[in-house]
Amino acid sequence: MNNRLILRLTVFVLGFVGMLAACAFANLAAAHFQSDCGLPAVFGVSGCADDIVRVGFPLLFWEKGGFDYHADFNPAALAVDVLIALGVSGGLGLACGWAVGKR
C-alpha cells in the first residue's frame, strides 16, 4: 500500500468514528431531554417515582414508565436509527477520504 491510500483510509476511519460518536451523543442528548427525569432515569438511578424514559433519535425506539406502567420497545425503529447513523457516518467518512485524496 502506498502512503496516499493509508492516509485516505485513516481519514475515512476518523470521519466514520467521529460521526458515529456524534450520533451516539445525539441519542444520549435526546434521551436526556425527552425523558422526564433526564439521563439518570434512562440509567435507572433517578429518584423520580413516576418518570417516563424515552430513548431514540430521530425515531423513538424505547419508552417505559409512568403511573400506569408500560414498556414499549420498537426493534424496527432501532434498526432504522442504526442504519441512519451508519449511513451518515459512512457518507462523512467517504467525503473526508475523498477530500484528502483531492489534495
PDB file of N, CA and C in Angstrom:
ATOM      1  N   MET A   1       0.828  -1.177   0.000  1.00  0.00           N
ATOM      2  CA  MET A   1       0.000   0.000   0.000  1.00  0.00           C
ATOM      3  C   MET A   1       0.877   1.247   0.000  1.00  0.00           C
ATOM      4  N   ASN A   2       0.433   2.203  -0.731  1.00  0.00           N
ATOM      5  CA  ASN A   2       1.197   3.445  -0.729  1.00  0.00           C
ATOM      6  C   ASN A   2       0.713   4.367   0.392  1.00  0.00           C
ATOM      7  N   ASN A   3       1.478   5.381   0.668  1.00  0.00           N
ATOM      8  CA  ASN A   3       1.165   6.296   1.776  1.00  0.00           C
ATOM      9  C   ASN A   3      -0.135   7.059   1.557  1.00  0.00           C
ATOM     10  N   ARG A   4      -0.445   7.359   0.303  1.00  0.00           N
ATOM     11  CA  ARG A   4      -1.670   8.118  -0.015  1.00  0.00           C
ATOM     12  C   ARG A   4      -2.918   7.311   0.370  1.00  0.00           C
ATOM     13  N   LEU A   5      -2.901   6.016   0.065  1.00  0.00           N
ATOM     14  CA  LEU A   5      -4.041   5.157   0.389  1.00  0.00           C
ATOM     15  C   LEU A   5      -4.194   5.000   1.896  1.00  0.00           C
ATOM     16  N   ILE A   6      -3.080   4.865   2.579  1.00  0.00           N
ATOM     17  CA  ILE A   6      -3.123   4.747   4.037  1.00  0.00           C
ATOM     18  C   ILE A   6      -3.686   6.024   4.658  1.00  0.00           C
ATOM     19  N   LEU A   7      -3.277   7.170   4.139  1.00  0.00           N
ATOM     20  CA  LEU A   7      -3.799   8.444   4.634  1.00  0.00           C
ATOM     21  C   LEU A   7      -5.300   8.555   4.392  1.00  0.00           C
ATOM     22  N   ARG A   8      -5.751   8.196   3.203  1.00  0.00           N
ATOM     23  CA  ARG A   8      -7.191   8.267   2.901  1.00  0.00           C
ATOM     24  C   ARG A   8      -7.988   7.326   3.792  1.00  0.00           C
ATOM     25  N   LEU A   9      -7.451   6.122   4.023  1.00  0.00           N
ATOM     26  CA  LEU A   9      -8.137   5.158   4.877  1.00  0.00           C
ATOM     27  C   LEU A   9      -8.191   5.660   6.320  1.00  0.00           C
ATOM     28  N   THR A  10      -7.111   6.256   6.786  1.00  0.00           N
ATOM     29  CA  THR A  10      -7.073   6.797   8.146  1.00  0.00           C
ATOM     30  C   THR A  10      -8.089   7.921   8.311  1.00  0.00           C
ATOM     31  N   VAL A  11      -8.149   8.811   7.335  1.00  0.00           N
ATOM     32  CA  VAL A  11      -9.105   9.919   7.406  1.00  0.00           C
ATOM     33  C   VAL A  11     -10.537   9.398   7.312  1.00  0.00           C
ATOM     34  N   PHE A  12     -10.773   8.368   6.493  1.00  0.00           N
ATOM     35  CA  PHE A  12     -12.106   7.756   6.432  1.00  0.00           C
ATOM     36  C   PHE A  12     -12.512   7.215   7.796  1.00  0.00           C
ATOM     37  N   VAL A  13     -11.615   6.473   8.425  1.00  0.00           N
ATOM     38  CA  VAL A  13     -11.924   5.878   9.731  1.00  0.00           C
ATOM     39  C   VAL A  13     -12.178   6.966  10.772  1.00  0.00           C
ATOM     40  N   LEU A  14     -11.370   8.020  10.763  1.00  0.00           N
ATOM     41  CA  LEU A  14     -11.581   9.124  11.706  1.00  0.00           C
ATOM     42  C   LEU A  14     -12.937   9.801  11.480  1.00  0.00           C
ATOM     43  N   GLY A  15     -13.291  10.047  10.220  1.00  0.00           N
ATOM     44  CA  GLY A  15     -14.589  10.648   9.922  1.00  0.00           C
ATOM     45  C   GLY A  15     -15.737   9.745  10.314  1.00  0.00           C
ATOM     46  N   PHE A  16     -15.599   8.450  10.028  1.00  0.00           N
ATOM     47  CA  PHE A  16     -16.646   7.480  10.341  1.00  0.00           C
ATOM     48  C   PHE A  16     -16.855   7.375  11.849  1.00  0.00           C
ATOM     49  N   VAL A  17     -15.780   7.181  12.585  1.00  0.00           N
ATOM     50  CA  VAL A  17     -15.882   7.014  14.042  1.00  0.00           C
ATOM     51  C   VAL A  17     -16.334   8.312  14.709  1.00  0.00           C
ATOM     52  N   GLY A  18     -15.845   9.447  14.206  1.00  0.00           N
ATOM     53  CA  GLY A  18     -16.266  10.728  14.772  1.00  0.00           C
ATOM     54  C   GLY A  18     -17.760  10.964  14.605  1.00  0.00           C
ATOM     55  N   MET A  19     -18.274  10.662  13.424  1.00  0.00           N
ATOM     56  CA  MET A  19     -19.711  10.864  13.201  1.00  0.00           C
ATOM     57  C   MET A  19     -20.539   9.841  13.968  1.00  0.00           C
ATOM     58  N   LEU A  20     -20.042   8.629  14.092  1.00  0.00           N
ATOM     59  CA  LEU A  20     -20.741   7.619  14.881  1.00  0.00           C
ATOM     60  C   LEU A  20     -20.826   8.054  16.346  1.00  0.00           C
ATOM     61  N   ALA A  21     -19.744   8.634  16.861  1.00  0.00           N
ATOM     62  CA  ALA A  21     -19.748   9.156  18.233  1.00  0.00           C
ATOM     63  C   ALA A  21     -20.719  10.325  18.361  1.00  0.00           C
ATOM     64  N   ALA A  22     -20.794  11.173  17.330  1.00  0.00           N
ATOM     65  CA  ALA A  22     -21.737  12.296  17.351  1.00  0.00           C
ATOM     66  C   ALA A  22     -23.181  11.789  17.359  1.00  0.00           C
ATOM     67  N   CYS A  23     -23.449  10.729  16.618  1.00  0.00           N
ATOM     68  CA  CYS A  23     -24.799  10.143  16.611  1.00  0.00           C
ATOM     69  C   CYS A  23     -25.135   9.547  17.983  1.00  0.00           C
ATOM     70  N   ALA A  24     -24.172   8.893  18.612  1.00  0.00           N
ATOM     71  CA  ALA A  24     -24.401   8.346  19.952  1.00  0.00           C
ATOM     72  C   ALA A  24     -24.663   9.465  20.954  1.00  0.00           C
ATOM     73  N   PHE A  25     -23.893  10.564  20.845  1.00  0.00           N
ATOM     74  CA  PHE A  25     -24.111  11.712  21.722  1.00  0.00           C
ATOM     75  C   PHE A  25     -25.491  12.317  21.480  1.00  0.00           C
ATOM     76  N   ALA A  26     -25.918  12.391  20.216  1.00  0.00           N
ATOM     77  CA  ALA A  26     -27.249  12.938  19.904  1.00  0.00           C
ATOM     78  C   ALA A  26     -28.344  12.074  20.521  1.00  0.00           C
ATOM     79  N   ASN A  27     -28.156  10.749  20.507  1.00  0.00           N
ATOM     80  CA  ASN A  27     -29.128   9.857  21.138  1.00  0.00           C
ATOM     81  C   ASN A  27     -29.178  10.074  22.645  1.00  0.00           C
ATOM     82  N   LEU A  28     -28.011  10.230  23.277  1.00  0.00           N
ATOM     83  CA  LEU A  28     -27.993  10.488  24.726  1.00  0.00           C
ATOM     84  C   LEU A  28     -28.618  11.839  25.063  1.00  0.00           C
ATOM     85  N   ALA A  29     -28.322  12.847  24.252  1.00  0.00           N
ATOM     86  CA  ALA A  29     -28.912  14.170  24.491  1.00  0.00           C
ATOM     87  C   ALA A  29     -30.425  14.129  24.309  1.00  0.00           C
ATOM     88  N   ALA A  30     -30.894  13.446  23.269  1.00  0.00           N
ATOM     89  CA  ALA A  30     -32.341  13.324  23.052  1.00  0.00           C
ATOM     90  C   ALA A  30     -32.997  12.558  24.196  1.00  0.00           C
ATOM     91  N   ALA A  31     -32.342  11.497  24.676  1.00  0.00           N
ATOM     92  CA  ALA A  31     -32.886  10.745  25.810  1.00  0.00           C
ATOM     93  C   ALA A  31     -32.966  11.617  27.053  1.00  0.00           C
ATOM     94  N   HIS A  32     -31.968  12.457  27.254  1.00  0.00           N
ATOM     95  CA  HIS A  32     -31.972  13.353  28.416  1.00  0.00           C
ATOM     96  C   HIS A  32     -33.133  14.348  28.348  1.00  0.00           C
ATOM     97  N   PHE A  33     -33.327  14.950  27.182  1.00  0.00           N
ATOM     98  CA  PHE A  33     -34.360  15.982  27.063  1.00  0.00           C
ATOM     99  C   PHE A  33     -35.765  15.414  26.892  1.00  0.00           C
ATOM    100  N   GLN A  34     -35.904  14.196  26.366  1.00  0.00           N
ATOM    101  CA  GLN A  34     -37.236  13.602  26.187  1.00  0.00           C
ATOM    102  C   GLN A  34     -37.736  12.917  27.452  1.00  0.00           C
ATOM    103  N   SER A  35     -36.830  12.402  28.272  1.00  0.00           N
ATOM    104  CA  SER A  35     -37.230  11.698  29.494  1.00  0.00           C
ATOM    105  C   SER A  35     -37.601  12.702  30.568  1.00  0.00           C
ATOM    106  N   ASP A  36     -38.517  12.281  31.446  1.00  0.00           N
ATOM    107  CA  ASP A  36     -38.998  13.196  32.479  1.00  0.00           C
ATOM    108  C   ASP A  36     -37.917  13.598  33.468  1.00  0.00           C
ATOM    109  N   CYS A  37     -37.033  12.689  33.833  1.00  0.00           N
ATOM    110  CA  CYS A  37     -36.002  12.987  34.833  1.00  0.00           C
ATOM    111  C   CYS A  37     -34.589  12.927  34.258  1.00  0.00           C
ATOM    112  N   GLY A  38     -34.457  13.043  32.949  1.00  0.00           N
ATOM    113  CA  GLY A  38     -33.150  13.123  32.319  1.00  0.00           C
ATOM    114  C   GLY A  38     -32.413  11.799  32.221  1.00  0.00           C
ATOM    115  N   LEU A  39     -31.107  11.885  32.019  1.00  0.00           N
ATOM    116  CA  LEU A  39     -30.280  10.685  31.848  1.00  0.00           C
ATOM    117  C   LEU A  39     -30.254   9.768  33.063  1.00  0.00           C
ATOM    118  N   PRO A  40     -30.304  10.286  34.303  1.00  0.00           N
ATOM    119  CA  PRO A  40     -30.353   9.346  35.423  1.00  0.00           C
ATOM    120  C   PRO A  40     -31.542   8.387  35.330  1.00  0.00           C
ATOM    121  N   ALA A  41     -32.664   8.849  34.808  1.00  0.00           N
ATOM    122  CA  ALA A  41     -33.822   7.965  34.645  1.00  0.00           C
ATOM    123  C   ALA A  41     -33.546   6.903  33.588  1.00  0.00           C
ATOM    124  N   VAL A  42     -32.837   7.272  32.541  1.00  0.00           N
ATOM    125  CA  VAL A  42     -32.513   6.309  31.483  1.00  0.00           C
ATOM    126  C   VAL A  42     -31.651   5.187  32.042  1.00  0.00           C
ATOM    127  N   PHE A  43     -30.705   5.542  32.923  1.00  0.00           N
ATOM    128  CA  PHE A  43     -29.815   4.539  33.500  1.00  0.00           C
ATOM    129  C   PHE A  43     -30.353   3.922  34.788  1.00  0.00           C
ATOM    130  N   GLY A  44     -31.566   4.317  35.186  1.00  0.00           N
ATOM    131  CA  GLY A  44     -32.233   3.694  36.332  1.00  0.00           C
ATOM    132  C   GLY A  44     -31.753   4.165  37.687  1.00  0.00           C
ATOM    133  N   VAL A  45     -31.177   5.356  37.784  1.00  0.00           N
ATOM    134  CA  VAL A  45     -30.676   5.834  39.073  1.00  0.00           C
ATOM    135  C   VAL A  45     -31.338   7.138  39.517  1.00  0.00           C
ATOM    136  N   SER A  46     -32.482   7.474  38.928  1.00  0.00           N
ATOM    137  CA  SER A  46     -33.145   8.720  39.315  1.00  0.00           C
ATOM    138  C   SER A  46     -34.014   8.487  40.542  1.00  0.00           C
ATOM    139  N   GLY A  47     -34.332   9.566  41.194  1.00  0.00           N
ATOM    140  CA  GLY A  47     -35.192   9.482  42.359  1.00  0.00           C
ATOM    141  C   GLY A  47     -36.655   9.708  42.029  1.00  0.00           C
ATOM    142  N   CYS A  48     -36.976   9.871  40.763  1.00  0.00           N
ATOM    143  CA  CYS A  48     -38.355  10.129  40.364  1.00  0.00           C
ATOM    144  C   CYS A  48     -39.174   8.846  40.456  1.00  0.00           C
ATOM    145  N   ALA A  49     -40.366   8.959  41.003  1.00  0.00           N
ATOM    146  CA  ALA A  49     -41.207   7.786  41.188  1.00  0.00           C
ATOM    147  C   ALA A  49     -42.009   7.445  39.942  1.00  0.00           C
ATOM    148  N   ASP A  50     -42.368   8.435  39.170  1.00  0.00           N
ATOM    149  CA  ASP A  50     -43.270   8.189  38.045  1.00  0.00           C
ATOM    150  C   ASP A  50     -42.688   8.694  36.721  1.00  0.00           C
ATOM    151  N   ASP A  51     -41.381   8.636  36.595  1.00  0.00           N
ATOM    152  CA  ASP A  51     -40.755   9.164  35.384  1.00  0.00           C
ATOM    153  C   ASP A  51     -41.052   8.280  34.174  1.00  0.00           C
ATOM    154  N   ILE A  52     -41.036   8.898  33.013  1.00  0.00           N
ATOM    155  CA  ILE A  52     -41.170   8.180  31.759  1.00  0.00           C
ATOM    156  C   ILE A  52     -39.843   8.312  31.025  1.00  0.00           C
ATOM    157  N   VAL A  53     -39.266   7.183  30.671  1.00  0.00           N
ATOM    158  CA  VAL A  53     -37.990   7.138  29.973  1.00  0.00           C
ATOM    159  C   VAL A  53     -38.260   6.986  28.485  1.00  0.00           C
ATOM    160  N   ARG A  54     -37.662   7.861  27.694  1.00  0.00           N
ATOM    161  CA  ARG A  54     -37.804   7.790  26.231  1.00  0.00           C
ATOM    162  C   ARG A  54     -36.412   7.824  25.625  1.00  0.00           C
ATOM    163  N   VAL A  55     -36.117   6.857  24.752  1.00  0.00           N
ATOM    164  CA  VAL A  55     -34.796   6.761  24.120  1.00  0.00           C
ATOM    165  C   VAL A  55     -34.977   6.616  22.625  1.00  0.00           C
ATOM    166  N   GLY A  56     -34.168   7.352  21.875  1.00  0.00           N
ATOM    167  CA  GLY A  56     -34.150   7.230  20.432  1.00  0.00           C
ATOM    168  C   GLY A  56     -34.125   8.565  19.735  1.00  0.00           C
ATOM    169  N   PHE A  57     -33.223   8.679  18.772  1.00  0.00           N
ATOM    170  CA  PHE A  57     -33.164   9.850  17.928  1.00  0.00           C
ATOM    171  C   PHE A  57     -32.669   9.418  16.562  1.00  0.00           C
ATOM    172  N   PRO A  58     -33.334   9.713  15.487  1.00  0.00           N
ATOM    173  CA  PRO A  58     -34.526  10.523  15.332  1.00  0.00           C
ATOM    174  C   PRO A  58     -35.831   9.777  15.626  1.00  0.00           C
ATOM    175  N   LEU A  59     -35.803   8.453  15.700  1.00  0.00           N
ATOM    176  CA  LEU A  59     -37.027   7.698  15.987  1.00  0.00           C
ATOM    177  C   LEU A  59     -36.987   7.180  17.417  1.00  0.00           C
ATOM    178  N   LEU A  60     -38.107   7.286  18.114  1.00  0.00           N
ATOM    179  CA  LEU A  60     -38.221   6.800  19.480  1.00  0.00           C
ATOM    180  C   LEU A  60     -38.363   5.280  19.441  1.00  0.00           C
ATOM    181  N   PHE A  61     -37.407   4.559  20.052  1.00  0.00           N
ATOM    182  CA  PHE A  61     -37.484   3.097  19.997  1.00  0.00           C
ATOM    183  C   PHE A  61     -37.700   2.446  21.354  1.00  0.00           C
ATOM    184  N   TRP A  62     -37.609   3.203  22.450  1.00  0.00           N
ATOM    185  CA  TRP A  62     -37.838   2.622  23.772  1.00  0.00           C
ATOM    186  C   TRP A  62     -38.522   3.642  24.658  1.00  0.00           C
ATOM    187  N   GLU A  63     -39.618   3.217  25.285  1.00  0.00           N
ATOM    188  CA  GLU A  63     -40.347   4.075  26.211  1.00  0.00           C
ATOM    189  C   GLU A  63     -40.870   3.202  27.333  1.00  0.00           C
ATOM    190  N   LYS A  64     -40.656   3.651  28.570  1.00  0.00           N
ATOM    191  CA  LYS A  64     -41.171   2.894  29.716  1.00  0.00           C
ATOM    192  C   LYS A  64     -41.432   3.828  30.876  1.00  0.00           C
ATOM    193  N   GLY A  65     -42.308   3.406  31.767  1.00  0.00           N
ATOM    194  CA  GLY A  65     -42.564   4.147  32.997  1.00  0.00           C
ATOM    195  C   GLY A  65     -43.935   4.766  33.040  1.00  0.00           C
ATOM    196  N   GLY A  66     -44.103   5.713  33.965  1.00  0.00           N
ATOM    197  CA  GLY A  66     -45.370   6.398  34.159  1.00  0.00           C
ATOM    198  C   GLY A  66     -46.165   5.804  35.306  1.00  0.00           C
ATOM    199  N   PHE A  67     -47.276   6.493  35.653  1.00  0.00           N
ATOM    200  CA  PHE A  67     -48.144   5.982  36.722  1.00  0.00           C
ATOM    201  C   PHE A  67     -48.723   4.633  36.327  1.00  0.00           C
ATOM    202  N   ASP A  68     -49.272   4.574  35.144  1.00  0.00           N
ATOM    203  CA  ASP A  68     -49.782   3.310  34.605  1.00  0.00           C
ATOM    204  C   ASP A  68     -48.635   2.687  33.818  1.00  0.00           C
ATOM    205  N   TYR A  69     -47.778   1.934  34.520  1.00  0.00           N
ATOM    206  CA  TYR A  69     -46.502   1.482  33.964  1.00  0.00           C
ATOM    207  C   TYR A  69     -46.695   0.773  32.620  1.00  0.00           C
ATOM    208  N   HIS A  70     -45.886   1.160  31.678  1.00  0.00           N
ATOM    209  CA  HIS A  70     -45.858   0.486  30.382  1.00  0.00           C
ATOM    210  C   HIS A  70     -44.416   0.456  29.894  1.00  0.00           C
ATOM    211  N   ALA A  71     -44.133  -0.509  29.050  1.00  0.00           N
ATOM    212  CA  ALA A  71     -42.801  -0.618  28.452  1.00  0.00           C
ATOM    213  C   ALA A  71     -42.982  -0.974  26.980  1.00  0.00           C
ATOM    214  N   ASP A  72     -42.513  -0.101  26.115  1.00  0.00           N
ATOM    215  CA  ASP A  72     -42.614  -0.317  24.673  1.00  0.00           C
ATOM    216  C   ASP A  72     -41.222  -0.292  24.069  1.00  0.00           C
ATOM    217  N   PHE A  73     -40.899  -1.346  23.319  1.00  0.00           N
ATOM    218  CA  PHE A  73     -39.641  -1.405  22.592  1.00  0.00           C
ATOM    219  C   PHE A  73     -39.980  -1.679  21.139  1.00  0.00           C
ATOM    220  N   ASN A  74     -39.444  -0.859  20.237  1.00  0.00           N
ATOM    221  CA  ASN A  74     -39.716  -0.995  18.809  1.00  0.00           C
ATOM    222  C   ASN A  74     -38.414  -1.345  18.084  1.00  0.00           C
ATOM    223  N   PRO A  75     -38.203  -2.627  17.765  1.00  0.00           N
ATOM    224  CA  PRO A  75     -36.949  -3.019  17.116  1.00  0.00           C
ATOM    225  C   PRO A  75     -36.801  -2.441  15.707  1.00  0.00           C
ATOM    226  N   ALA A  76     -37.892  -2.203  15.015  1.00  0.00           N
ATOM    227  CA  ALA A  76     -37.803  -1.615  13.673  1.00  0.00           C
ATOM    228  C   ALA A  76     -37.276  -0.181  13.746  1.00  0.00           C
ATOM    229  N   ALA A  77     -37.739   0.592  14.709  1.00  0.00           N
ATOM    230  CA  ALA A  77     -37.244   1.965  14.877  1.00  0.00           C
ATOM    231  C   ALA A  77     -35.770   1.961  15.276  1.00  0.00           C
ATOM    232  N   LEU A  78     -35.370   1.017  16.119  1.00  0.00           N
ATOM    233  CA  LEU A  78     -33.958   0.894  16.483  1.00  0.00           C
ATOM    234  C   LEU A  78     -33.113   0.564  15.257  1.00  0.00           C
ATOM    235  N   ALA A  79     -33.597  -0.352  14.423  1.00  0.00           N
ATOM    236  CA  ALA A  79     -32.865  -0.719  13.208  1.00  0.00           C
ATOM    237  C   ALA A  79     -32.729   0.472  12.267  1.00  0.00           C
ATOM    238  N   VAL A  80     -33.787   1.251  12.127  1.00  0.00           N
ATOM    239  CA  VAL A  80     -33.726   2.432  11.262  1.00  0.00           C
ATOM    240  C   VAL A  80     -32.754   3.464  11.843  1.00  0.00           C
ATOM    241  N   ASP A  81     -32.782   3.661  13.165  1.00  0.00           N
ATOM    242  CA  ASP A  81     -31.833   4.585  13.804  1.00  0.00           C
ATOM    243  C   ASP A  81     -30.391   4.156  13.550  1.00  0.00           C
ATOM    244  N   VAL A  82     -30.117   2.865  13.706  1.00  0.00           N
ATOM    245  CA  VAL A  82     -28.760   2.354  13.484  1.00  0.00           C
ATOM    246  C   VAL A  82     -28.365   2.514  12.021  1.00  0.00           C
ATOM    247  N   LEU A  83     -29.278   2.208  11.101  1.00  0.00           N
ATOM    248  CA  LEU A  83     -28.967   2.361   9.676  1.00  0.00           C
ATOM    249  C   LEU A  83     -28.715   3.818   9.302  1.00  0.00           C
ATOM    250  N   ILE A  84     -29.481   4.734   9.881  1.00  0.00           N
ATOM    251  CA  ILE A  84     -29.258   6.164   9.622  1.00  0.00           C
ATOM    252  C   ILE A  84     -27.875   6.572  10.134  1.00  0.00           C
ATOM    253  N   ALA A  85     -27.538   6.153  11.345  1.00  0.00           N
ATOM    254  CA  ALA A  85     -26.234   6.505  11.916  1.00  0.00           C
ATOM    255  C   ALA A  85     -25.095   5.929  11.087  1.00  0.00           C
ATOM    256  N   LEU A  86     -25.217   4.664  10.669  1.00  0.00           N
ATOM    257  CA  LEU A  86     -24.167   4.054   9.853  1.00  0.00           C
ATOM    258  C   LEU A  86     -24.070   4.710   8.480  1.00  0.00           C
ATOM    259  N   GLY A  87     -25.205   5.050   7.889  1.00  0.00           N
ATOM    260  CA  GLY A  87     -25.204   5.692   6.581  1.00  0.00           C
ATOM    261  C   GLY A  87     -24.586   7.076   6.611  1.00  0.00           C
ATOM    262  N   VAL A  88     -24.968   7.872   7.598  1.00  0.00           N
ATOM    263  CA  VAL A  88     -24.412   9.219   7.718  1.00  0.00           C
ATOM    264  C   VAL A  88     -22.916   9.147   8.047  1.00  0.00           C
ATOM    265  N   SER A  89     -22.539   8.225   8.911  1.00  0.00           N
ATOM    266  CA  SER A  89     -21.128   8.070   9.267  1.00  0.00           C
ATOM    267  C   SER A  89     -20.306   7.607   8.067  1.00  0.00           C
ATOM    268  N   GLY A  90     -20.835   6.647   7.319  1.00  0.00           N
ATOM    269  CA  GLY A  90     -20.136   6.193   6.118  1.00  0.00           C
ATOM    270  C   GLY A  90     -20.015   7.288   5.078  1.00  0.00           C
ATOM    271  N   GLY A  91     -21.076   8.057   4.916  1.00  0.00           N
ATOM    272  CA  GLY A  91     -21.038   9.169   3.966  1.00  0.00           C
ATOM    273  C   GLY A  91     -20.016  10.216   4.354  1.00  0.00           C
ATOM    274  N   LEU A  92     -19.955  10.558   5.636  1.00  0.00           N
ATOM    275  CA  LEU A  92     -18.967  11.536   6.085  1.00  0.00           C
ATOM    276  C   LEU A  92     -17.555  10.983   5.952  1.00  0.00           C
ATOM    277  N   GLY A  93     -17.384   9.708   6.278  1.00  0.00           N
ATOM    278  CA  GLY A  93     -16.069   9.094   6.125  1.00  0.00           C
ATOM    279  C   GLY A  93     -15.618   9.102   4.682  1.00  0.00           C
ATOM    280  N   LEU A  94     -16.517   8.764   3.751  1.00  0.00           N
ATOM    281  CA  LEU A  94     -16.177   8.798   2.328  1.00  0.00           C
ATOM    282  C   LEU A  94     -15.863  10.215   1.869  1.00  0.00           C
ATOM    283  N   ALA A  95     -16.637  11.184   2.329  1.00  0.00           N
ATOM    284  CA  ALA A  95     -16.388  12.576   1.947  1.00  0.00           C
ATOM    285  C   ALA A  95     -15.034  13.048   2.467  1.00  0.00           C
ATOM    286  N   CYS A  96     -14.690  12.674   3.685  1.00  0.00           N
ATOM    287  CA  CYS A  96     -13.384  13.059   4.230  1.00  0.00           C
ATOM    288  C   CYS A  96     -12.254  12.398   3.448  1.00  0.00           C
ATOM    289  N   GLY A  97     -12.399  11.108   3.161  1.00  0.00           N
ATOM    290  CA  GLY A  97     -11.385  10.416   2.381  1.00  0.00           C
ATOM    291  C   GLY A  97     -11.244  10.986   0.984  1.00  0.00           C
ATOM    292  N   TRP A  98     -12.362  11.352   0.378  1.00  0.00           N
ATOM    293  CA  TRP A  98     -12.333  11.951  -0.957  1.00  0.00           C
ATOM    294  C   TRP A  98     -11.658  13.311  -0.932  1.00  0.00           C
ATOM    295  N   ALA A  99     -11.975  14.114   0.097  1.00  0.00           N
ATOM    296  CA  ALA A  99     -11.379  15.442   0.205  1.00  0.00           C
ATOM    297  C   ALA A  99      -9.866  15.361   0.387  1.00  0.00           C
ATOM    298  N   VAL A 100      -9.392  14.386   1.156  1.00  0.00           N
ATOM    299  CA  VAL A 100      -7.954  14.230   1.342  1.00  0.00           C
ATOM    300  C   VAL A 100      -7.298  13.743   0.046  1.00  0.00           C
ATOM    301  N   GLY A 101      -8.015  12.912  -0.695  1.00  0.00           N
ATOM    302  CA  GLY A 101      -7.478  12.395  -1.953  1.00  0.00           C
ATOM    303  C   GLY A 101      -7.356  13.462  -3.018  1.00  0.00           C
ATOM    304  N   LYS A 102      -8.153  14.518  -2.936  1.00  0.00           N
ATOM    305  CA  LYS A 102      -8.119  15.599  -3.918  1.00  0.00           C
ATOM    306  C   LYS A 102      -6.930  16.526  -3.716  1.00  0.00           C
ATOM    307  N   ARG A 103      -6.334  16.509  -2.527  1.00  0.00           N
ATOM    308  CA  ARG A 103      -5.208  17.419  -2.259  1.00  0.00           C
ATOM    309  C   ARG A 103      -3.943  16.924  -2.892  1.00  0.00           C
TER     310      ARG A 103
END
